[in-house]
Amino acid sequence: ARTLLFVGDSTMLQAATTTMNAIHWGMWEGGGCQGQISGALADTLLHRDMGVSNRGQHWVKWAEELHPDILVLSTGPHVASLQGFRDIIHELVQEHSARFPDLKLVCRIAP
C-alpha cells in the first residue's frame, strides 16, 4: 500500500489530520486507509532560523525516516524573506533530485 506524508508547519499537520479523519469517517467509499497517512512538523522545511519559529526537523530527515511514496511539503509564514523562499526551493530541488528521484513530491511554498 502506498503512503502519504504531509510535512510543514501546523497548517500542514491540520491538513494531514483532516485528511485522515475524512477517510476514517467515510467521506470516500471504501475508506480505511487513514493509517497510511502521516504528518510531520518542519516549520521552514530546512530546519533553519528563517524568521518566525523553527520547530520540527529538516524535511529530508522525515523522508528518510518514514519512506513515503508521496510527500506533500508546505511552508510560508515562518519564512521572513524572499531569499529564504529561494533557498528553500533551491535546496528542495537539489535534495529531491539527488536523494529521492522516485519520490512523488507536491510543494506549496508561498510568501
N, C-alpha and C. Protein backbone atom coordinates (compact mmCIF):
# COMPACT_ATOMS: atom_id res chain seq x y z
N ALA A 1 0.83 -1.18 0.00
CA ALA A 1 0.00 0.00 0.00
C ALA A 1 0.88 1.25 0.00
N ARG A 2 0.45 2.26 -0.73
CA ARG A 2 1.22 3.50 -0.79
C ARG A 2 0.95 4.37 0.43
N THR A 3 1.97 5.18 0.76
CA THR A 3 1.85 6.05 1.91
C THR A 3 2.00 7.51 1.50
N LEU A 4 1.37 8.37 2.30
CA LEU A 4 1.36 9.81 2.05
C LEU A 4 1.86 10.51 3.30
N LEU A 5 2.82 11.42 3.13
CA LEU A 5 3.38 12.16 4.25
C LEU A 5 3.23 13.65 4.00
N PHE A 6 2.60 14.36 4.94
CA PHE A 6 2.48 15.81 4.92
C PHE A 6 3.58 16.37 5.83
N VAL A 7 4.41 17.29 5.33
CA VAL A 7 5.47 17.90 6.14
C VAL A 7 5.38 19.41 6.02
N GLY A 8 5.39 20.09 7.16
CA GLY A 8 5.35 21.54 7.15
C GLY A 8 5.01 22.07 8.53
N ASP A 9 4.42 23.25 8.57
CA ASP A 9 4.07 23.87 9.85
C ASP A 9 2.74 23.32 10.36
N SER A 10 2.18 23.97 11.34
CA SER A 10 0.95 23.47 11.97
C SER A 10 -0.21 23.34 10.97
N THR A 11 -0.23 24.17 9.95
CA THR A 11 -1.33 24.06 8.97
C THR A 11 -1.21 22.77 8.16
N MET A 12 0.00 22.29 7.95
CA MET A 12 0.17 21.01 7.25
C MET A 12 -0.23 19.85 8.14
N LEU A 13 0.06 19.96 9.44
CA LEU A 13 -0.38 18.92 10.36
C LEU A 13 -1.92 18.89 10.42
N GLN A 14 -2.54 20.05 10.34
CA GLN A 14 -4.00 20.11 10.30
C GLN A 14 -4.53 19.47 9.01
N ALA A 15 -3.84 19.70 7.90
CA ALA A 15 -4.26 19.09 6.62
C ALA A 15 -4.15 17.56 6.70
N ALA A 16 -3.08 17.07 7.31
CA ALA A 16 -2.91 15.63 7.46
C ALA A 16 -4.01 15.04 8.32
N THR A 17 -4.28 15.68 9.45
CA THR A 17 -5.32 15.20 10.36
C THR A 17 -6.70 15.25 9.72
N THR A 18 -6.98 16.31 9.01
CA THR A 18 -8.27 16.44 8.32
C THR A 18 -8.44 15.34 7.28
N THR A 19 -7.38 15.07 6.53
CA THR A 19 -7.43 14.01 5.52
C THR A 19 -7.66 12.65 6.16
N MET A 20 -6.92 12.37 7.25
CA MET A 20 -7.10 11.09 7.95
C MET A 20 -8.53 10.94 8.49
N ASN A 21 -9.04 12.01 9.10
CA ASN A 21 -10.39 11.96 9.65
C ASN A 21 -11.45 11.82 8.57
N ALA A 22 -11.27 12.51 7.45
CA ALA A 22 -12.24 12.40 6.35
C ALA A 22 -12.32 10.97 5.84
N ILE A 23 -11.17 10.33 5.73
CA ILE A 23 -11.16 8.93 5.27
C ILE A 23 -11.78 8.02 6.33
N HIS A 24 -11.38 8.22 7.58
CA HIS A 24 -11.89 7.38 8.66
C HIS A 24 -13.41 7.47 8.79
N TRP A 25 -13.94 8.67 8.68
CA TRP A 25 -15.37 8.86 8.86
C TRP A 25 -16.17 8.66 7.58
N GLY A 26 -15.53 8.13 6.53
CA GLY A 26 -16.27 7.64 5.38
C GLY A 26 -16.65 8.63 4.32
N MET A 27 -15.87 9.70 4.17
CA MET A 27 -16.20 10.62 3.08
C MET A 27 -15.93 9.98 1.72
N TRP A 28 -15.07 8.95 1.68
CA TRP A 28 -14.80 8.24 0.45
C TRP A 28 -15.20 6.79 0.62
N GLU A 29 -15.85 6.22 -0.40
CA GLU A 29 -16.24 4.81 -0.37
C GLU A 29 -15.01 3.96 -0.17
N GLY A 30 -15.16 2.94 0.60
CA GLY A 30 -14.05 2.01 0.82
C GLY A 30 -12.94 2.60 1.66
N GLY A 31 -13.26 3.56 2.51
CA GLY A 31 -12.27 4.20 3.38
C GLY A 31 -11.58 3.18 4.27
N GLY A 32 -10.65 3.66 5.04
CA GLY A 32 -9.95 2.76 5.95
C GLY A 32 -8.45 2.81 5.76
N CYS A 33 -7.97 3.65 4.87
CA CYS A 33 -6.53 3.72 4.63
C CYS A 33 -5.88 4.89 5.37
N GLN A 34 -6.59 5.46 6.35
CA GLN A 34 -6.06 6.61 7.06
C GLN A 34 -4.74 6.31 7.77
N GLY A 35 -4.46 5.08 8.07
CA GLY A 35 -3.21 4.69 8.71
C GLY A 35 -2.00 4.83 7.79
N GLN A 36 -2.24 5.03 6.52
CA GLN A 36 -1.15 5.19 5.55
C GLN A 36 -0.79 6.67 5.35
N ILE A 37 -1.40 7.54 6.15
CA ILE A 37 -1.15 8.98 6.06
C ILE A 37 -0.48 9.43 7.35
N SER A 38 0.56 10.25 7.21
CA SER A 38 1.28 10.78 8.37
C SER A 38 1.48 12.27 8.20
N GLY A 39 1.76 12.92 9.32
CA GLY A 39 2.11 14.34 9.32
C GLY A 39 3.34 14.54 10.16
N ALA A 40 4.21 15.46 9.74
CA ALA A 40 5.45 15.72 10.48
C ALA A 40 5.73 17.23 10.47
N LEU A 41 6.24 17.71 11.59
CA LEU A 41 6.47 19.14 11.77
C LEU A 41 7.82 19.57 11.22
N ALA A 42 7.80 20.63 10.41
CA ALA A 42 9.01 21.25 9.86
C ALA A 42 8.64 22.66 9.40
N ASP A 43 8.66 23.60 10.33
CA ASP A 43 8.18 24.95 10.03
C ASP A 43 8.80 25.57 8.78
N THR A 44 10.12 25.46 8.63
CA THR A 44 10.80 26.07 7.47
C THR A 44 11.23 25.04 6.44
N LEU A 45 10.94 23.78 6.68
CA LEU A 45 11.34 22.63 5.87
C LEU A 45 12.83 22.33 5.95
N LEU A 46 13.67 23.34 6.14
CA LEU A 46 15.13 23.15 6.14
C LEU A 46 15.72 23.13 7.55
N HIS A 47 14.90 23.29 8.57
CA HIS A 47 15.33 23.35 9.96
C HIS A 47 16.41 24.41 10.16
N ARG A 48 16.09 25.61 9.66
CA ARG A 48 16.95 26.78 9.82
C ARG A 48 16.11 27.94 10.30
N ASP A 49 16.75 28.83 11.07
CA ASP A 49 16.06 30.03 11.52
C ASP A 49 15.91 30.96 10.32
N MET A 50 14.68 31.13 9.85
CA MET A 50 14.41 31.95 8.67
C MET A 50 13.37 33.02 8.95
N GLY A 51 13.07 33.23 10.21
CA GLY A 51 12.06 34.23 10.55
C GLY A 51 11.39 33.93 11.86
N VAL A 52 10.18 33.40 11.78
CA VAL A 52 9.36 33.16 12.96
C VAL A 52 9.26 31.66 13.22
N SER A 53 9.82 31.20 14.31
CA SER A 53 9.72 29.81 14.75
C SER A 53 10.46 28.87 13.79
N ASN A 54 10.95 27.80 14.33
CA ASN A 54 11.68 26.82 13.54
C ASN A 54 11.51 25.45 14.19
N ARG A 55 10.28 25.08 14.44
CA ARG A 55 10.01 23.79 15.09
C ARG A 55 10.18 22.65 14.09
N GLY A 56 10.41 21.48 14.62
CA GLY A 56 10.46 20.28 13.80
C GLY A 56 11.84 20.00 13.24
N GLN A 57 11.88 19.14 12.25
CA GLN A 57 13.13 18.67 11.65
C GLN A 57 13.20 19.07 10.17
N HIS A 58 14.35 18.82 9.58
CA HIS A 58 14.56 19.01 8.15
C HIS A 58 13.67 18.01 7.41
N TRP A 59 13.10 18.42 6.29
CA TRP A 59 12.18 17.53 5.56
C TRP A 59 12.87 16.24 5.14
N VAL A 60 14.18 16.29 4.86
CA VAL A 60 14.92 15.08 4.45
C VAL A 60 14.90 14.04 5.56
N LYS A 61 15.05 14.48 6.81
CA LYS A 61 15.02 13.55 7.94
C LYS A 61 13.70 12.79 7.95
N TRP A 62 12.60 13.52 7.77
CA TRP A 62 11.29 12.86 7.77
C TRP A 62 11.15 11.89 6.60
N ALA A 63 11.61 12.28 5.43
CA ALA A 63 11.52 11.40 4.26
C ALA A 63 12.35 10.14 4.45
N GLU A 64 13.54 10.29 5.02
CA GLU A 64 14.39 9.12 5.26
C GLU A 64 13.80 8.21 6.33
N GLU A 65 13.22 8.80 7.35
CA GLU A 65 12.68 8.02 8.46
C GLU A 65 11.39 7.30 8.10
N LEU A 66 10.50 7.96 7.35
CA LEU A 66 9.17 7.41 7.11
C LEU A 66 8.98 6.80 5.72
N HIS A 67 9.88 7.03 4.79
CA HIS A 67 9.84 6.44 3.44
C HIS A 67 8.47 6.53 2.75
N PRO A 68 7.94 7.73 2.59
CA PRO A 68 6.62 7.84 1.94
C PRO A 68 6.71 7.61 0.44
N ASP A 69 5.59 7.25 -0.15
CA ASP A 69 5.51 7.16 -1.61
C ASP A 69 5.21 8.53 -2.20
N ILE A 70 4.44 9.32 -1.46
CA ILE A 70 4.08 10.67 -1.88
C ILE A 70 4.37 11.61 -0.71
N LEU A 71 5.06 12.70 -0.99
CA LEU A 71 5.43 13.67 0.03
C LEU A 71 4.83 15.03 -0.34
N VAL A 72 4.08 15.61 0.60
CA VAL A 72 3.47 16.92 0.41
C VAL A 72 4.17 17.88 1.37
N LEU A 73 4.82 18.91 0.81
CA LEU A 73 5.58 19.88 1.60
C LEU A 73 4.95 21.26 1.50
N SER A 74 5.01 21.99 2.61
CA SER A 74 4.50 23.36 2.60
C SER A 74 5.23 24.20 3.63
N THR A 75 5.45 25.46 3.27
CA THR A 75 5.95 26.45 4.22
C THR A 75 5.47 27.81 3.76
N GLY A 76 5.54 28.75 4.65
CA GLY A 76 5.06 30.08 4.31
C GLY A 76 5.32 31.09 5.40
N PRO A 77 4.44 31.15 6.40
CA PRO A 77 4.53 32.23 7.37
C PRO A 77 5.76 32.20 8.28
N HIS A 78 6.48 31.11 8.31
CA HIS A 78 7.67 31.02 9.17
C HIS A 78 8.93 31.49 8.45
N VAL A 79 8.81 31.86 7.21
CA VAL A 79 9.94 32.34 6.42
C VAL A 79 9.73 33.84 6.18
N ALA A 80 10.71 34.65 6.59
CA ALA A 80 10.52 36.10 6.61
C ALA A 80 11.06 36.84 5.39
N SER A 81 11.79 36.18 4.51
CA SER A 81 12.37 36.91 3.38
C SER A 81 12.21 36.15 2.07
N LEU A 82 12.23 36.90 0.99
CA LEU A 82 12.17 36.29 -0.33
C LEU A 82 13.38 35.39 -0.57
N GLN A 83 14.54 35.81 -0.07
CA GLN A 83 15.74 34.98 -0.21
C GLN A 83 15.57 33.65 0.52
N GLY A 84 14.89 33.67 1.65
CA GLY A 84 14.61 32.43 2.36
C GLY A 84 13.80 31.45 1.52
N PHE A 85 12.79 31.96 0.81
CA PHE A 85 12.00 31.11 -0.08
C PHE A 85 12.86 30.59 -1.24
N ARG A 86 13.72 31.43 -1.77
CA ARG A 86 14.63 30.98 -2.84
C ARG A 86 15.52 29.85 -2.34
N ASP A 87 16.06 30.01 -1.13
CA ASP A 87 16.92 28.98 -0.56
C ASP A 87 16.18 27.66 -0.39
N ILE A 88 14.95 27.74 0.08
CA ILE A 88 14.15 26.53 0.26
C ILE A 88 13.93 25.83 -1.08
N ILE A 89 13.50 26.57 -2.07
CA ILE A 89 13.24 25.96 -3.39
C ILE A 89 14.51 25.36 -3.97
N HIS A 90 15.61 26.09 -3.88
CA HIS A 90 16.89 25.60 -4.41
C HIS A 90 17.29 24.28 -3.73
N GLU A 91 17.23 24.26 -2.41
CA GLU A 91 17.64 23.05 -1.69
C GLU A 91 16.67 21.89 -1.94
N LEU A 92 15.37 22.18 -2.00
CA LEU A 92 14.39 21.13 -2.29
C LEU A 92 14.68 20.44 -3.62
N VAL A 93 14.93 21.24 -4.64
CA VAL A 93 15.22 20.68 -5.97
C VAL A 93 16.47 19.82 -5.92
N GLN A 94 17.53 20.33 -5.29
CA GLN A 94 18.79 19.58 -5.20
C GLN A 94 18.63 18.27 -4.43
N GLU A 95 18.04 18.36 -3.24
CA GLU A 95 17.89 17.16 -2.40
C GLU A 95 16.96 16.14 -3.03
N HIS A 96 15.87 16.61 -3.60
CA HIS A 96 14.93 15.68 -4.24
C HIS A 96 15.60 14.93 -5.38
N SER A 97 16.30 15.66 -6.23
CA SER A 97 16.97 15.03 -7.38
C SER A 97 18.05 14.05 -6.95
N ALA A 98 18.85 14.45 -5.96
CA ALA A 98 19.99 13.64 -5.55
C ALA A 98 19.60 12.44 -4.68
N ARG A 99 18.64 12.62 -3.79
CA ARG A 99 18.37 11.59 -2.79
C ARG A 99 17.07 10.82 -3.00
N PHE A 100 16.09 11.46 -3.62
CA PHE A 100 14.77 10.84 -3.73
C PHE A 100 14.19 10.99 -5.14
N PRO A 101 14.90 10.59 -6.16
CA PRO A 101 14.42 10.85 -7.53
C PRO A 101 13.09 10.18 -7.88
N ASP A 102 12.74 9.12 -7.18
CA ASP A 102 11.49 8.41 -7.48
C ASP A 102 10.33 8.82 -6.57
N LEU A 103 10.61 9.68 -5.62
CA LEU A 103 9.58 10.13 -4.68
C LEU A 103 8.68 11.17 -5.35
N LYS A 104 7.37 10.91 -5.31
CA LYS A 104 6.43 11.90 -5.83
C LYS A 104 6.36 13.05 -4.83
N LEU A 105 6.57 14.26 -5.32
CA LEU A 105 6.68 15.42 -4.47
C LEU A 105 5.66 16.47 -4.88
N VAL A 106 4.93 16.98 -3.89
CA VAL A 106 3.98 18.08 -4.09
C VAL A 106 4.41 19.19 -3.14
N CYS A 107 4.60 20.40 -3.66
CA CYS A 107 5.07 21.51 -2.83
C CYS A 107 4.14 22.70 -2.91
N ARG A 108 4.03 23.38 -1.76
CA ARG A 108 3.36 24.68 -1.70
C ARG A 108 4.26 25.58 -0.87
N ILE A 109 4.94 26.44 -1.56
CA ILE A 109 5.87 27.37 -0.90
C ILE A 109 5.43 28.76 -1.30
N ALA A 110 4.90 29.49 -0.31
CA ALA A 110 4.32 30.79 -0.63
C ALA A 110 4.72 31.85 0.40
N PRO A 111 5.18 33.00 -0.10
CA PRO A 111 5.48 34.08 0.84
C PRO A 111 4.22 34.66 1.46
